[in-house]
Amino acid sequence: MSEKGKLYLVATPIGNLEDITFRAIRTLKEVDLIAAEDTRQTVKLLNHFEIKKTLLSYYEHNKIEKGNYLIGQLLEGKNIALVSDAGSPGISDPGEDLVRLAIENDIDVTMIPGAVAAITGLVISGLPTGRFVFEGFLPMNKRARKERILSLKNEVRTIIFYEAPHKLYYTLKDLYEVLGDRQIAMARELTKKFEEVIRCNLSAAIELYGNESPRGEYVLMVEGISEQIIEDEEKRKWDEISLEEHVDMYVNQGMSKKEAIKKVAEDRGISKRDVYNSVMVD
């Protein structure tokens, strides 16, 4: 039986063609075939670097059929490079499915690293970069989109989204409605000649794109909620019930009264003795 091939995930430029690495170019020249999300885009890249290679389409709507074909080729010993339209394959594209299939078939998978639009946008956003969460594209269904945003309401990390120009205005309105008037950085045309980062709050962003049409794909960085705001909201929630009700809530959940008193004291930032005295524990 022939030795299995290897799957190479090759990052390509997100805009400026000079951002490709020497290793990426060498890998694309050496593999047996290249699987691309959009062959029309990839052929431009290959022509620019004078790479002549068999090109196969692999995208969301043919990933099952083509995925099985590619796995078959890898099992026969072919080395395959997977690329997306731009950036790192496997991020917000069907590359993750092919990686899973390869791993299930005990095929080696490796990454030729390079540009990622989310990280590029984040580091020039001016928002905190130490902790962040990547959400990719929000659901197209309005209700599902609102529910996803609502799940991020108390997220303290910087939140990163991708968005298409024709949906940007409505996404900004949904973000404002659910999250409030947060700070946002909107990056477009990253690494290209007309790269632009707009830094403002959500209300200003809505006003801006209510008057002009957005162009290009966007990376949106939204500030996380302040931990102090969460703490203040938590304290206000407990102010609405008595200490006795608070203790009973935990007892009804299965805690002993001693454990409940300790938890109530932690919730409210007061001493256990104060809670004990107030509920008149026997």
C-alpha atoms as a PDB file:
ATOM      1  CA  MET A   1       0.000   0.000   0.000  1.00  0.00           C
ATOM      2  CA  SER A   2       1.381   3.429  -0.935  1.00  0.00           C
ATOM      3  CA  GLU A   3       2.339   5.895   1.764  1.00  0.00           C
ATOM      4  CA  LYS A   4      -0.325   8.460   2.557  1.00  0.00           C
ATOM      5  CA  GLY A   5       0.081  12.019   1.384  1.00  0.00           C
ATOM      6  CA  LYS A   6      -0.004  15.137   3.517  1.00  0.00           C
ATOM      7  CA  LEU A   7      -2.584  17.919   3.675  1.00  0.00           C
ATOM      8  CA  TYR A   8      -1.038  21.405   3.714  1.00  0.00           C
ATOM      9  CA  LEU A   9      -3.192  24.331   4.853  1.00  0.00           C
ATOM     10  CA  VAL A  10      -1.582  27.261   3.064  1.00  0.00           C
ATOM     11  CA  ALA A  11      -2.316  30.839   4.123  1.00  0.00           C
ATOM     12  CA  THR A  12      -2.490  33.296   1.231  1.00  0.00           C
ATOM     13  CA  PRO A  13      -2.451  37.132   1.238  1.00  0.00           C
ATOM     14  CA  ILE A  14      -5.585  38.925   2.430  1.00  0.00           C
ATOM     15  CA  GLY A  15      -4.830  41.806   0.074  1.00  0.00           C
ATOM     16  CA  ASN A  16      -1.233  42.664  -0.724  1.00  0.00           C
ATOM     17  CA  LEU A  17       0.349  39.836  -2.711  1.00  0.00           C
ATOM     18  CA  GLU A  18       3.740  40.570  -1.154  1.00  0.00           C
ATOM     19  CA  ASP A  19       2.453  39.190   2.147  1.00  0.00           C
ATOM     20  CA  ILE A  20       2.782  35.580   0.989  1.00  0.00           C
ATOM     21  CA  THR A  21       5.686  33.654   2.537  1.00  0.00           C
ATOM     22  CA  PHE A  22       8.548  31.936   0.713  1.00  0.00           C
ATOM     23  CA  ARG A  23       7.455  28.662   2.310  1.00  0.00           C
ATOM     24  CA  ALA A  24       3.899  29.078   1.023  1.00  0.00           C
ATOM     25  CA  ILE A  25       5.148  29.624  -2.546  1.00  0.00           C
ATOM     26  CA  ARG A  26       7.473  26.608  -2.338  1.00  0.00           C
ATOM     27  CA  THR A  27       4.690  24.410  -0.957  1.00  0.00           C
ATOM     28  CA  LEU A  28       2.241  25.424  -3.683  1.00  0.00           C
ATOM     29  CA  LYS A  29       4.884  24.543  -6.281  1.00  0.00           C
ATOM     30  CA  GLU A  30       5.701  21.163  -4.743  1.00  0.00           C
ATOM     31  CA  VAL A  31       2.281  19.638  -3.953  1.00  0.00           C
ATOM     32  CA  ASP A  32       0.471  17.399  -6.401  1.00  0.00           C
ATOM     33  CA  LEU A  33      -2.690  19.481  -6.510  1.00  0.00           C
ATOM     34  CA  ILE A  34      -4.284  22.554  -4.937  1.00  0.00           C
ATOM     35  CA  ALA A  35      -7.827  22.679  -3.561  1.00  0.00           C
ATOM     36  CA  ALA A  36      -9.240  26.209  -3.590  1.00  0.00           C
ATOM     37  CA  GLU A  37     -12.380  27.856  -2.231  1.00  0.00           C
ATOM     38  CA  ASP A  38     -12.617  29.981  -5.389  1.00  0.00           C
ATOM     39  CA  THR A  39     -10.440  28.799  -8.258  1.00  0.00           C
ATOM     40  CA  ARG A  40     -10.947  32.119 -10.088  1.00  0.00           C
ATOM     41  CA  GLN A  41      -9.260  33.978  -7.241  1.00  0.00           C
ATOM     42  CA  THR A  42      -6.551  31.414  -6.665  1.00  0.00           C
ATOM     43  CA  VAL A  43      -5.530  31.234 -10.324  1.00  0.00           C
ATOM     44  CA  LYS A  44      -4.668  34.939 -10.177  1.00  0.00           C
ATOM     45  CA  LEU A  45      -2.324  34.247  -7.274  1.00  0.00           C
ATOM     46  CA  LEU A  46      -0.756  31.254  -8.975  1.00  0.00           C
ATOM     47  CA  ASN A  47      -0.240  33.160 -12.232  1.00  0.00           C
ATOM     48  CA  HIS A  48       1.399  36.031 -10.359  1.00  0.00           C
ATOM     49  CA  PHE A  49       3.991  33.672  -8.881  1.00  0.00           C
ATOM     50  CA  GLU A  50       4.236  31.539 -12.058  1.00  0.00           C
ATOM     51  CA  ILE A  51       2.937  28.400 -10.366  1.00  0.00           C
ATOM     52  CA  LYS A  52       1.549  25.759 -12.713  1.00  0.00           C
ATOM     53  CA  LYS A  53      -0.486  23.232 -10.779  1.00  0.00           C
ATOM     54  CA  THR A  54      -3.707  21.202 -10.998  1.00  0.00           C
ATOM     55  CA  LEU A  55      -6.467  23.250  -9.358  1.00  0.00           C
ATOM     56  CA  LEU A  56      -9.651  21.793  -7.857  1.00  0.00           C
ATOM     57  CA  SER A  57     -12.605  23.669  -6.351  1.00  0.00           C
ATOM     58  CA  TYR A  58     -13.538  22.926  -2.731  1.00  0.00           C
ATOM     59  CA  TYR A  59     -16.184  25.141  -1.166  1.00  0.00           C
ATOM     60  CA  GLU A  60     -19.243  25.013   1.100  1.00  0.00           C
ATOM     61  CA  HIS A  61     -21.691  23.564  -1.434  1.00  0.00           C
ATOM     62  CA  ASN A  62     -19.467  20.788  -2.786  1.00  0.00           C
ATOM     63  CA  LYS A  63     -17.426  20.008   0.331  1.00  0.00           C
ATOM     64  CA  ILE A  64     -18.925  16.549   0.865  1.00  0.00           C
ATOM     65  CA  GLU A  65     -18.325  15.251  -2.666  1.00  0.00           C
ATOM     66  CA  LYS A  66     -14.976  16.980  -3.165  1.00  0.00           C
ATOM     67  CA  GLY A  67     -13.899  16.310   0.409  1.00  0.00           C
ATOM     68  CA  ASN A  68     -14.245  12.569  -0.112  1.00  0.00           C
ATOM     69  CA  TYR A  69     -12.370  12.834  -3.416  1.00  0.00           C
ATOM     70  CA  LEU A  70      -9.516  14.762  -1.808  1.00  0.00           C
ATOM     71  CA  ILE A  71      -9.258  12.258   1.039  1.00  0.00           C
ATOM     72  CA  GLY A  72      -9.073   9.494  -1.557  1.00  0.00           C
ATOM     73  CA  GLN A  73      -6.205  11.285  -3.291  1.00  0.00           C
ATOM     74  CA  LEU A  74      -4.385  11.781   0.019  1.00  0.00           C
ATOM     75  CA  LEU A  75      -4.803   8.085   0.870  1.00  0.00           C
ATOM     76  CA  GLU A  76      -3.234   7.242  -2.495  1.00  0.00           C
ATOM     77  CA  GLY A  77      -0.154   9.258  -1.566  1.00  0.00           C
ATOM     78  CA  LYS A  78      -0.882  12.630  -3.164  1.00  0.00           C
ATOM     79  CA  ASN A  79       0.175  15.788  -1.311  1.00  0.00           C
ATOM     80  CA  ILE A  80      -2.528  18.457  -1.374  1.00  0.00           C
ATOM     81  CA  ALA A  81      -2.526  22.168  -0.538  1.00  0.00           C
ATOM     82  CA  LEU A  82      -5.769  23.752   0.640  1.00  0.00           C
ATOM     83  CA  VAL A  83      -6.206  27.510   0.210  1.00  0.00           C
ATOM     84  CA  SER A  84      -9.106  29.894   0.819  1.00  0.00           C
ATOM     85  CA  ASP A  85     -10.000  33.046  -1.122  1.00  0.00           C
ATOM     86  CA  ALA A  86      -7.641  34.990   1.130  1.00  0.00           C
ATOM     87  CA  GLY A  87      -6.024  34.433   4.512  1.00  0.00           C
ATOM     88  CA  SER A  88      -5.847  31.175   6.440  1.00  0.00           C
ATOM     89  CA  PRO A  89      -7.982  28.222   5.314  1.00  0.00           C
ATOM     90  CA  GLY A  90     -10.115  26.687   8.043  1.00  0.00           C
ATOM     91  CA  ILE A  91     -11.214  30.072   9.432  1.00  0.00           C
ATOM     92  CA  SER A  92     -14.869  30.749   8.505  1.00  0.00           C
ATOM     93  CA  ASP A  93     -14.670  28.371   5.535  1.00  0.00           C
ATOM     94  CA  PRO A  94     -15.171  24.614   4.924  1.00  0.00           C
ATOM     95  CA  GLY A  95     -11.468  23.898   5.437  1.00  0.00           C
ATOM     96  CA  GLU A  96     -12.245  22.728   8.970  1.00  0.00           C
ATOM     97  CA  ASP A  97     -14.319  19.866   7.539  1.00  0.00           C
ATOM     98  CA  LEU A  98     -11.464  18.640   5.373  1.00  0.00           C
ATOM     99  CA  VAL A  99      -9.066  18.819   8.330  1.00  0.00           C
ATOM    100  CA  ARG A 100     -11.482  16.688  10.386  1.00  0.00           C
ATOM    101  CA  LEU A 101     -11.778  14.122   7.584  1.00  0.00           C
ATOM    102  CA  ALA A 102      -8.008  13.957   7.212  1.00  0.00           C
ATOM    103  CA  ILE A 103      -7.513  13.393  10.939  1.00  0.00           C
ATOM    104  CA  GLU A 104     -10.198  10.677  10.948  1.00  0.00           C
ATOM    105  CA  ASN A 105      -8.254   8.929   8.168  1.00  0.00           C
ATOM    106  CA  ASP A 106      -4.931   9.274  10.005  1.00  0.00           C
ATOM    107  CA  ILE A 107      -3.566  11.669   7.375  1.00  0.00           C
ATOM    108  CA  ASP A 108      -0.901  14.180   8.389  1.00  0.00           C
ATOM    109  CA  VAL A 109      -2.086  17.785   8.453  1.00  0.00           C
ATOM    110  CA  THR A 110       0.197  20.792   8.696  1.00  0.00           C
ATOM    111  CA  MET A 111      -0.184  24.567   8.455  1.00  0.00           C
ATOM    112  CA  ILE A 112       1.843  27.017   6.406  1.00  0.00           C
ATOM    113  CA  PRO A 113       1.034  30.111   8.490  1.00  0.00           C
ATOM    114  CA  GLY A 114       0.361  33.588   7.215  1.00  0.00           C
ATOM    115  CA  ALA A 115      -2.171  36.395   7.283  1.00  0.00           C
ATOM    116  CA  VAL A 116      -5.496  36.250   9.149  1.00  0.00           C
ATOM    117  CA  ALA A 117      -7.847  39.203   8.647  1.00  0.00           C
ATOM    118  CA  ALA A 118      -9.253  38.913  12.184  1.00  0.00           C
ATOM    119  CA  ILE A 119      -5.843  39.263  13.832  1.00  0.00           C
ATOM    120  CA  THR A 120      -4.690  41.968  11.423  1.00  0.00           C
ATOM    121  CA  GLY A 121      -7.801  44.010  12.183  1.00  0.00           C
ATOM    122  CA  LEU A 122      -7.575  43.433  15.927  1.00  0.00           C
ATOM    123  CA  VAL A 123      -4.006  44.617  16.389  1.00  0.00           C
ATOM    124  CA  ILE A 124      -4.674  47.930  14.617  1.00  0.00           C
ATOM    125  CA  SER A 125      -8.126  48.460  16.124  1.00  0.00           C
ATOM    126  CA  GLY A 126      -6.982  50.268  19.254  1.00  0.00           C
ATOM    127  CA  LEU A 127      -9.168  47.961  21.368  1.00  0.00           C
ATOM    128  CA  PRO A 128      -7.725  45.529  23.960  1.00  0.00           C
ATOM    129  CA  THR A 129      -5.848  42.642  22.322  1.00  0.00           C
ATOM    130  CA  GLY A 130      -4.861  40.609  25.384  1.00  0.00           C
ATOM    131  CA  ARG A 131      -8.144  38.709  25.372  1.00  0.00           C
ATOM    132  CA  PHE A 132     -10.537  38.384  22.462  1.00  0.00           C
ATOM    133  CA  VAL A 133     -13.206  36.118  21.003  1.00  0.00           C
ATOM    134  CA  PHE A 134     -13.693  35.431  17.281  1.00  0.00           C
ATOM    135  CA  GLU A 135     -17.297  35.016  16.113  1.00  0.00           C
ATOM    136  CA  GLY A 136     -16.766  35.032  12.338  1.00  0.00           C
ATOM    137  CA  PHE A 137     -19.901  35.708  10.287  1.00  0.00           C
ATOM    138  CA  LEU A 138     -23.150  36.114  12.204  1.00  0.00           C
ATOM    139  CA  PRO A 139     -26.144  33.967  11.136  1.00  0.00           C
ATOM    140  CA  MET A 140     -28.118  35.316   8.181  1.00  0.00           C
ATOM    141  CA  ASN A 141     -31.472  34.638   9.861  1.00  0.00           C
ATOM    142  CA  LYS A 142     -32.449  37.771  11.808  1.00  0.00           C
ATOM    143  CA  ARG A 143     -33.715  35.936  14.878  1.00  0.00           C
ATOM    144  CA  ALA A 144     -30.670  33.662  15.037  1.00  0.00           C
ATOM    145  CA  ARG A 145     -28.386  36.685  14.584  1.00  0.00           C
ATOM    146  CA  LYS A 146     -30.053  38.518  17.488  1.00  0.00           C
ATOM    147  CA  GLU A 147     -29.771  35.421  19.690  1.00  0.00           C
ATOM    148  CA  ARG A 148     -26.059  35.070  18.883  1.00  0.00           C
ATOM    149  CA  ILE A 149     -25.409  38.716  19.734  1.00  0.00           C
ATOM    150  CA  LEU A 150     -27.451  38.395  22.937  1.00  0.00           C
ATOM    151  CA  SER A 151     -25.201  35.507  23.999  1.00  0.00           C
ATOM    152  CA  LEU A 152     -22.287  37.975  23.812  1.00  0.00           C
ATOM    153  CA  LYS A 153     -23.939  40.705  25.895  1.00  0.00           C
ATOM    154  CA  ASN A 154     -21.780  40.009  28.967  1.00  0.00           C
ATOM    155  CA  GLU A 155     -18.603  39.114  27.036  1.00  0.00           C
ATOM    156  CA  VAL A 156     -15.704  41.062  28.569  1.00  0.00           C
ATOM    157  CA  ARG A 157     -13.233  40.236  25.785  1.00  0.00           C
ATOM    158  CA  THR A 158     -12.939  42.166  22.528  1.00  0.00           C
ATOM    159  CA  ILE A 159     -15.356  40.580  20.037  1.00  0.00           C
ATOM    160  CA  ILE A 160     -14.364  40.092  16.378  1.00  0.00           C
ATOM    161  CA  PHE A 161     -16.827  39.605  13.518  1.00  0.00           C
ATOM    162  CA  TYR A 162     -16.577  39.326   9.742  1.00  0.00           C
ATOM    163  CA  GLU A 163     -19.276  41.047   7.707  1.00  0.00           C
ATOM    164  CA  ALA A 164     -20.181  41.564   4.067  1.00  0.00           C
ATOM    165  CA  PRO A 165     -20.906  45.124   2.896  1.00  0.00           C
ATOM    166  CA  HIS A 166     -24.558  44.497   2.002  1.00  0.00           C
ATOM    167  CA  LYS A 167     -25.310  43.301   5.570  1.00  0.00           C
ATOM    168  CA  LEU A 168     -23.099  45.715   7.509  1.00  0.00           C
ATOM    169  CA  TYR A 169     -25.710  48.396   8.277  1.00  0.00           C
ATOM    170  CA  TYR A 170     -28.240  45.904   9.652  1.00  0.00           C
ATOM    171  CA  THR A 171     -25.590  44.125  11.716  1.00  0.00           C
ATOM    172  CA  LEU A 172     -24.491  47.427  13.253  1.00  0.00           C
ATOM    173  CA  LYS A 173     -28.109  48.183  14.184  1.00  0.00           C
ATOM    174  CA  ASP A 174     -28.522  44.757  15.784  1.00  0.00           C
ATOM    175  CA  LEU A 175     -25.272  45.154  17.717  1.00  0.00           C
ATOM    176  CA  TYR A 176     -26.395  48.562  18.992  1.00  0.00           C
ATOM    177  CA  GLU A 177     -29.853  47.305  19.957  1.00  0.00           C
ATOM    178  CA  VAL A 178     -28.516  44.362  21.966  1.00  0.00           C
ATOM    179  CA  LEU A 179     -25.124  45.540  23.256  1.00  0.00           C
ATOM    180  CA  GLY A 180     -25.697  49.264  23.630  1.00  0.00           C
ATOM    181  CA  ASP A 181     -23.430  52.028  22.375  1.00  0.00           C
ATOM    182  CA  ARG A 182     -20.092  50.197  22.511  1.00  0.00           C
ATOM    183  CA  GLN A 183     -16.846  51.294  20.899  1.00  0.00           C
ATOM    184  CA  ILE A 184     -16.195  49.633  17.537  1.00  0.00           C
ATOM    185  CA  ALA A 185     -13.374  49.530  14.999  1.00  0.00           C
ATOM    186  CA  MET A 186     -14.359  48.700  11.409  1.00  0.00           C
ATOM    187  CA  ALA A 187     -11.489  47.603   9.154  1.00  0.00           C
ATOM    188  CA  ARG A 188     -11.755  47.226   5.382  1.00  0.00           C
ATOM    189  CA  GLU A 189      -9.352  46.713   2.466  1.00  0.00           C
ATOM    190  CA  LEU A 190      -6.744  45.421   4.919  1.00  0.00           C
ATOM    191  CA  THR A 191      -3.152  45.469   3.571  1.00  0.00           C
ATOM    192  CA  LYS A 192      -4.369  47.089   0.342  1.00  0.00           C
ATOM    193  CA  LYS A 193      -3.726  50.588  -1.005  1.00  0.00           C
ATOM    194  CA  PHE A 194      -6.978  51.990   0.388  1.00  0.00           C
ATOM    195  CA  GLU A 195      -6.845  50.251   3.768  1.00  0.00           C
ATOM    196  CA  GLU A 196      -9.162  51.979   6.223  1.00  0.00           C
ATOM    197  CA  VAL A 197      -9.993  51.579   9.909  1.00  0.00           C
ATOM    198  CA  ILE A 198     -12.925  53.576  11.272  1.00  0.00           C
ATOM    199  CA  ARG A 199     -12.911  53.883  15.063  1.00  0.00           C
ATOM    200  CA  CYS A 200     -16.077  55.214  16.716  1.00  0.00           C
ATOM    201  CA  ASN A 201     -19.079  54.050  18.721  1.00  0.00           C
ATOM    202  CA  LEU A 202     -21.919  51.987  17.310  1.00  0.00           C
ATOM    203  CA  SER A 203     -24.367  54.890  17.082  1.00  0.00           C
ATOM    204  CA  ALA A 204     -21.887  56.887  14.995  1.00  0.00           C
ATOM    205  CA  ALA A 205     -21.227  53.850  12.780  1.00  0.00           C
ATOM    206  CA  ILE A 206     -24.968  53.461  12.129  1.00  0.00           C
ATOM    207  CA  GLU A 207     -25.234  57.131  11.239  1.00  0.00           C
ATOM    208  CA  LEU A 208     -22.224  56.878   8.914  1.00  0.00           C
ATOM    209  CA  TYR A 209     -23.532  53.912   6.942  1.00  0.00           C
ATOM    210  CA  GLY A 210     -27.046  55.260   6.913  1.00  0.00           C
ATOM    211  CA  ASN A 211     -25.676  57.983   4.642  1.00  0.00           C
ATOM    212  CA  GLU A 212     -23.145  56.077   2.533  1.00  0.00           C
ATOM    213  CA  SER A 213     -22.832  52.570   1.147  1.00  0.00           C
ATOM    214  CA  PRO A 214     -20.079  50.368   2.610  1.00  0.00           C
ATOM    215  CA  ARG A 215     -17.618  48.805   0.193  1.00  0.00           C
ATOM    216  CA  GLY A 216     -15.443  45.754   0.652  1.00  0.00           C
ATOM    217  CA  GLU A 217     -15.409  43.007   3.262  1.00  0.00           C
ATOM    218  CA  TYR A 218     -15.261  44.209   6.860  1.00  0.00           C
ATOM    219  CA  VAL A 219     -13.621  43.035  10.051  1.00  0.00           C
ATOM    220  CA  LEU A 220     -15.516  44.409  13.043  1.00  0.00           C
ATOM    221  CA  MET A 221     -13.921  44.680  16.489  1.00  0.00           C
ATOM    222  CA  VAL A 222     -16.386  45.503  19.279  1.00  0.00           C
ATOM    223  CA  GLU A 223     -15.284  46.322  22.820  1.00  0.00           C
ATOM    224  CA  GLY A 224     -16.269  43.858  25.525  1.00  0.00           C
ATOM    225  CA  ILE A 225     -18.389  44.917  28.456  1.00  0.00           C
ATOM    226  CA  SER A 226     -16.613  46.331  31.491  1.00  0.00           C
ATOM    227  CA  GLU A 227     -16.252  43.827  34.325  1.00  0.00           C
ATOM    228  CA  GLN A 228     -17.264  46.627  36.688  1.00  0.00           C
ATOM    229  CA  ILE A 229     -20.572  47.023  34.846  1.00  0.00           C
ATOM    230  CA  ILE A 230     -21.249  43.294  35.252  1.00  0.00           C
ATOM    231  CA  GLU A 231     -20.479  43.494  38.963  1.00  0.00           C
ATOM    232  CA  ASP A 232     -22.750  46.517  39.379  1.00  0.00           C
ATOM    233  CA  GLU A 233     -25.595  44.793  37.518  1.00  0.00           C
ATOM    234  CA  GLU A 234     -25.138  41.694  39.659  1.00  0.00           C
ATOM    235  CA  LYS A 235     -25.359  43.747  42.841  1.00  0.00           C
ATOM    236  CA  ARG A 236     -28.484  45.532  41.598  1.00  0.00           C
ATOM    237  CA  LYS A 237     -30.069  42.153  40.874  1.00  0.00           C
ATOM    238  CA  TRP A 238     -29.525  41.014  44.462  1.00  0.00           C
ATOM    239  CA  ASP A 239     -30.876  44.324  45.807  1.00  0.00           C
ATOM    240  CA  GLU A 240     -34.263  43.333  44.384  1.00  0.00           C
ATOM    241  CA  ILE A 241     -34.642  40.369  46.777  1.00  0.00           C
ATOM    242  CA  SER A 242     -34.208  40.064  50.545  1.00  0.00           C
ATOM    243  CA  LEU A 243     -31.370  38.183  52.212  1.00  0.00           C
ATOM    244  CA  GLU A 244     -33.854  35.525  53.316  1.00  0.00           C
ATOM    245  CA  GLU A 245     -35.084  35.035  49.738  1.00  0.00           C
ATOM    246  CA  HIS A 246     -31.504  34.944  48.492  1.00  0.00           C
ATOM    247  CA  VAL A 247     -30.557  32.210  50.983  1.00  0.00           C
ATOM    248  CA  ASP A 248     -33.734  30.235  50.247  1.00  0.00           C
ATOM    249  CA  MET A 249     -32.912  30.365  46.520  1.00  0.00           C
ATOM    250  CA  TYR A 250     -29.667  28.441  47.090  1.00  0.00           C
ATOM    251  CA  VAL A 251     -31.204  26.084  49.653  1.00  0.00           C
ATOM    252  CA  ASN A 252     -33.873  25.173  47.089  1.00  0.00           C
ATOM    253  CA  GLN A 253     -31.056  24.384  44.645  1.00  0.00           C
ATOM    254  CA  GLY A 254     -29.723  21.766  47.076  1.00  0.00           C
ATOM    255  CA  MET A 255     -27.198  23.709  49.157  1.00  0.00           C
ATOM    256  CA  SER A 256     -27.057  23.405  52.910  1.00  0.00           C
ATOM    257  CA  LYS A 257     -28.019  26.555  54.802  1.00  0.00           C
ATOM    258  CA  LYS A 258     -24.387  27.089  55.791  1.00  0.00           C
ATOM    259  CA  GLU A 259     -23.254  26.847  52.149  1.00  0.00           C
ATOM    260  CA  ALA A 260     -26.101  29.132  51.055  1.00  0.00           C
ATOM    261  CA  ILE A 261     -25.135  31.804  53.600  1.00  0.00           C
ATOM    262  CA  LYS A 262     -21.529  31.697  52.403  1.00  0.00           C
ATOM    263  CA  LYS A 263     -22.626  32.023  48.751  1.00  0.00           C
ATOM    264  CA  VAL A 264     -24.986  34.920  49.530  1.00  0.00           C
ATOM    265  CA  ALA A 265     -22.178  36.718  51.349  1.00  0.00           C
ATOM    266  CA  GLU A 266     -19.947  36.284  48.269  1.00  0.00           C
ATOM    267  CA  ASP A 267     -22.716  37.480  45.915  1.00  0.00           C
ATOM    268  CA  ARG A 268     -23.373  40.627  47.898  1.00  0.00           C
ATOM    269  CA  GLY A 269     -19.854  41.410  49.083  1.00  0.00           C
ATOM    270  CA  ILE A 270     -20.820  41.338  52.742  1.00  0.00           C
ATOM    271  CA  SER A 271     -19.735  39.204  55.713  1.00  0.00           C
ATOM    272  CA  LYS A 272     -21.206  35.792  56.463  1.00  0.00           C
ATOM    273  CA  ARG A 273     -22.014  37.035  59.969  1.00  0.00           C
ATOM    274  CA  ASP A 274     -24.211  39.806  58.548  1.00  0.00           C
ATOM    275  CA  VAL A 275     -26.131  37.281  56.461  1.00  0.00           C
ATOM    276  CA  TYR A 276     -26.385  34.880  59.400  1.00  0.00           C
ATOM    277  CA  ASN A 277     -27.718  37.542  61.739  1.00  0.00           C
ATOM    278  CA  SER A 278     -30.211  38.781  59.185  1.00  0.00           C
ATOM    279  CA  VAL A 279     -31.777  35.406  58.435  1.00  0.00           C
ATOM    280  CA  MET A 280     -31.703  34.458  62.140  1.00  0.00           C
ATOM    281  CA  VAL A 281     -30.209  31.004  61.716  1.00  0.00           C
ATOM    282  CA  ASP A 282     -30.966  28.734  64.637  1.00  0.00           C
END
